Amino acid sequence: MIENIEPKQDTRDNGPTIIQESGWYQGFGSECKEYLGIDLEGRFYYGLEIGEGDLCWDGPYETRAKAQEGLDAAFARWDELVSQREQAWEDRQIALFEGRESRSAGL
């Protein structure tokens, strides 16, 4: 959930002024944080930080709603990739377990 915050400048890369920032979302071997920002001309941006310090901005968008749509889509892509990674790990663990069970049963 993104929270409204006191506007602050993103000093890491001369990015837009951050107007909303989420907490960290934990995924399978990954973490993600969402941002909305605005530049001096009133154009909006969204940012997705994957792991601490790896923030990428996208934009400009003419409206905050369009920036939010882009952010929602970017977050959904991150979430899907994390879910796929977790499912692949679970599948490997099941296969390893089944292989051990087969060997111990003498099959």
C-alpha atoms as a PDB file:
ATOM      1  CA  MET A   1       0.000   0.000   0.000  1.00  0.00           C
ATOM      2  CA  ILE A   2       1.433   3.343  -1.021  1.00  0.00           C
ATOM      3  CA  GLU A   3       1.244   6.057   1.592  1.00  0.00           C
ATOM      4  CA  ASN A   4       1.166   9.808   1.088  1.00  0.00           C
ATOM      5  CA  ILE A   5       4.331  11.340   2.491  1.00  0.00           C
ATOM      6  CA  GLU A   6       5.864  14.757   2.779  1.00  0.00           C
ATOM      7  CA  PRO A   7       7.334  15.448  -0.662  1.00  0.00           C
ATOM      8  CA  LYS A   8      11.068  14.785  -0.754  1.00  0.00           C
ATOM      9  CA  GLN A   9      13.624  14.916  -3.527  1.00  0.00           C
ATOM     10  CA  ASP A  10      15.132  11.642  -4.704  1.00  0.00           C
ATOM     11  CA  THR A  11      18.786  12.523  -4.193  1.00  0.00           C
ATOM     12  CA  ARG A  12      20.079   9.247  -5.598  1.00  0.00           C
ATOM     13  CA  ASP A  13      19.819  10.229  -9.256  1.00  0.00           C
ATOM     14  CA  ASN A  14      18.275  13.703  -9.498  1.00  0.00           C
ATOM     15  CA  GLY A  15      14.932  11.984  -9.929  1.00  0.00           C
ATOM     16  CA  PRO A  16      11.523  13.532  -9.439  1.00  0.00           C
ATOM     17  CA  THR A  17      10.184  14.644  -6.094  1.00  0.00           C
ATOM     18  CA  ILE A  18       8.751  11.602  -4.325  1.00  0.00           C
ATOM     19  CA  ILE A  19       5.110  12.167  -3.389  1.00  0.00           C
ATOM     20  CA  GLN A  20       4.130   8.599  -2.428  1.00  0.00           C
ATOM     21  CA  GLU A  21       6.194   5.691  -1.190  1.00  0.00           C
ATOM     22  CA  SER A  22       5.271   2.164  -0.155  1.00  0.00           C
ATOM     23  CA  GLY A  23       6.871  -0.057   2.400  1.00  0.00           C
ATOM     24  CA  TRP A  24       8.970  -2.996   1.275  1.00  0.00           C
ATOM     25  CA  TYR A  25       7.155  -5.949  -0.290  1.00  0.00           C
ATOM     26  CA  GLN A  26       8.913  -9.250   0.344  1.00  0.00           C
ATOM     27  CA  GLY A  27       9.014 -11.819  -2.407  1.00  0.00           C
ATOM     28  CA  PHE A  28      10.809 -15.102  -2.873  1.00  0.00           C
ATOM     29  CA  GLY A  29      14.441 -13.979  -2.806  1.00  0.00           C
ATOM     30  CA  SER A  30      13.507 -10.420  -3.757  1.00  0.00           C
ATOM     31  CA  GLU A  31      12.042  -7.256  -2.330  1.00  0.00           C
ATOM     32  CA  CYS A  32      10.304  -4.339  -3.974  1.00  0.00           C
ATOM     33  CA  LYS A  33       9.253  -0.788  -3.092  1.00  0.00           C
ATOM     34  CA  GLU A  34       6.897   1.477  -5.095  1.00  0.00           C
ATOM     35  CA  TYR A  35       7.121   5.233  -5.639  1.00  0.00           C
ATOM     36  CA  LEU A  36       5.158   7.986  -7.328  1.00  0.00           C
ATOM     37  CA  GLY A  37       6.941  11.222  -8.152  1.00  0.00           C
ATOM     38  CA  ILE A  38       6.426  14.577  -9.829  1.00  0.00           C
ATOM     39  CA  ASP A  39       8.874  16.813 -11.684  1.00  0.00           C
ATOM     40  CA  LEU A  40       9.132  20.597 -11.768  1.00  0.00           C
ATOM     41  CA  GLU A  41       6.784  20.777 -14.777  1.00  0.00           C
ATOM     42  CA  GLY A  42       4.036  18.875 -12.945  1.00  0.00           C
ATOM     43  CA  ARG A  43       4.508  15.614 -14.860  1.00  0.00           C
ATOM     44  CA  PHE A  44       4.220  12.341 -12.978  1.00  0.00           C
ATOM     45  CA  TYR A  45       6.553   9.344 -12.759  1.00  0.00           C
ATOM     46  CA  TYR A  46       6.509   5.984 -11.096  1.00  0.00           C
ATOM     47  CA  GLY A  47       9.470   4.231  -9.612  1.00  0.00           C
ATOM     48  CA  LEU A  48      10.067   0.620  -8.710  1.00  0.00           C
ATOM     49  CA  GLU A  49      12.982  -0.235  -6.442  1.00  0.00           C
ATOM     50  CA  ILE A  50      14.050  -3.869  -6.633  1.00  0.00           C
ATOM     51  CA  GLY A  51      16.391  -4.424  -3.733  1.00  0.00           C
ATOM     52  CA  GLU A  52      17.767  -1.508  -1.804  1.00  0.00           C
ATOM     53  CA  GLY A  53      19.369   1.139  -3.997  1.00  0.00           C
ATOM     54  CA  ASP A  54      18.145  -0.126  -7.381  1.00  0.00           C
ATOM     55  CA  LEU A  55      15.430   2.447  -8.130  1.00  0.00           C
ATOM     56  CA  CYS A  56      14.322   3.021 -11.728  1.00  0.00           C
ATOM     57  CA  TRP A  57      11.919   5.792 -12.736  1.00  0.00           C
ATOM     58  CA  ASP A  58       9.520   5.623 -15.676  1.00  0.00           C
ATOM     59  CA  GLY A  59       7.694   8.545 -17.226  1.00  0.00           C
ATOM     60  CA  PRO A  60       6.743  11.241 -17.668  1.00  0.00           C
ATOM     61  CA  TYR A  61       2.985  10.767 -17.518  1.00  0.00           C
ATOM     62  CA  GLU A  62       0.543  13.635 -17.877  1.00  0.00           C
ATOM     63  CA  THR A  63      -1.650  12.472 -14.992  1.00  0.00           C
ATOM     64  CA  ARG A  64      -1.098  10.825 -11.666  1.00  0.00           C
ATOM     65  CA  ALA A  65      -3.646   8.154 -12.625  1.00  0.00           C
ATOM     66  CA  LYS A  66      -1.588   7.161 -15.696  1.00  0.00           C
ATOM     67  CA  ALA A  67       1.566   6.943 -13.592  1.00  0.00           C
ATOM     68  CA  GLN A  68      -0.322   4.797 -11.076  1.00  0.00           C
ATOM     69  CA  GLU A  69      -1.493   2.483 -13.887  1.00  0.00           C
ATOM     70  CA  GLY A  70       2.108   2.054 -15.010  1.00  0.00           C
ATOM     71  CA  LEU A  71       3.217   1.374 -11.446  1.00  0.00           C
ATOM     72  CA  ASP A  72       0.458  -1.197 -10.940  1.00  0.00           C
ATOM     73  CA  ALA A  73       1.521  -3.004 -14.131  1.00  0.00           C
ATOM     74  CA  ALA A  74       5.219  -2.924 -13.184  1.00  0.00           C
ATOM     75  CA  PHE A  75       4.467  -4.274  -9.717  1.00  0.00           C
ATOM     76  CA  ALA A  76       2.295  -7.036 -11.200  1.00  0.00           C
ATOM     77  CA  ARG A  77       5.205  -8.063 -13.486  1.00  0.00           C
ATOM     78  CA  TRP A  78       7.592  -8.178 -10.506  1.00  0.00           C
ATOM     79  CA  ASP A  79       5.087 -10.189  -8.473  1.00  0.00           C
ATOM     80  CA  GLU A  80       4.563 -12.649 -11.341  1.00  0.00           C
ATOM     81  CA  LEU A  81       8.324 -13.182 -11.780  1.00  0.00           C
ATOM     82  CA  VAL A  82       8.763 -13.755  -8.056  1.00  0.00           C
ATOM     83  CA  SER A  83       5.847 -16.227  -8.066  1.00  0.00           C
ATOM     84  CA  GLN A  84       7.340 -18.111 -11.017  1.00  0.00           C
ATOM     85  CA  ARG A  85      10.715 -18.317  -9.255  1.00  0.00           C
ATOM     86  CA  GLU A  86       9.070 -19.643  -6.095  1.00  0.00           C
ATOM     87  CA  GLN A  87       7.037 -22.219  -8.047  1.00  0.00           C
ATOM     88  CA  ALA A  88      10.153 -23.423  -9.882  1.00  0.00           C
ATOM     89  CA  TRP A  89      11.981 -23.842  -6.561  1.00  0.00           C
ATOM     90  CA  GLU A  90       9.045 -25.766  -5.074  1.00  0.00           C
ATOM     91  CA  ASP A  91       8.885 -28.012  -8.146  1.00  0.00           C
ATOM     92  CA  ARG A  92      12.622 -28.781  -7.835  1.00  0.00           C
ATOM     93  CA  GLN A  93      12.251 -29.556  -4.127  1.00  0.00           C
ATOM     94  CA  ILE A  94       9.357 -31.930  -4.824  1.00  0.00           C
ATOM     95  CA  ALA A  95      11.326 -33.670  -7.578  1.00  0.00           C
ATOM     96  CA  LEU A  96      14.335 -34.080  -5.274  1.00  0.00           C
ATOM     97  CA  PHE A  97      12.151 -35.473  -2.496  1.00  0.00           C
ATOM     98  CA  GLU A  98      10.392 -37.877  -4.857  1.00  0.00           C
ATOM     99  CA  GLY A  99      13.772 -39.011  -6.200  1.00  0.00           C
ATOM    100  CA  ARG A 100      15.030 -39.747  -2.682  1.00  0.00           C
ATOM    101  CA  GLU A 101      11.815 -41.583  -1.817  1.00  0.00           C
ATOM    102  CA  SER A 102      12.081 -43.713  -4.976  1.00  0.00           C
ATOM    103  CA  ARG A 103      15.714 -44.609  -4.246  1.00  0.00           C
ATOM    104  CA  SER A 104      14.982 -45.493  -0.618  1.00  0.00           C
ATOM    105  CA  ALA A 105      12.055 -47.685  -1.707  1.00  0.00           C
ATOM    106  CA  GLY A 106      14.335 -49.504  -4.148  1.00  0.00           C
ATOM    107  CA  LEU A 107      12.374 -48.466  -7.230  1.00  0.00           C
END
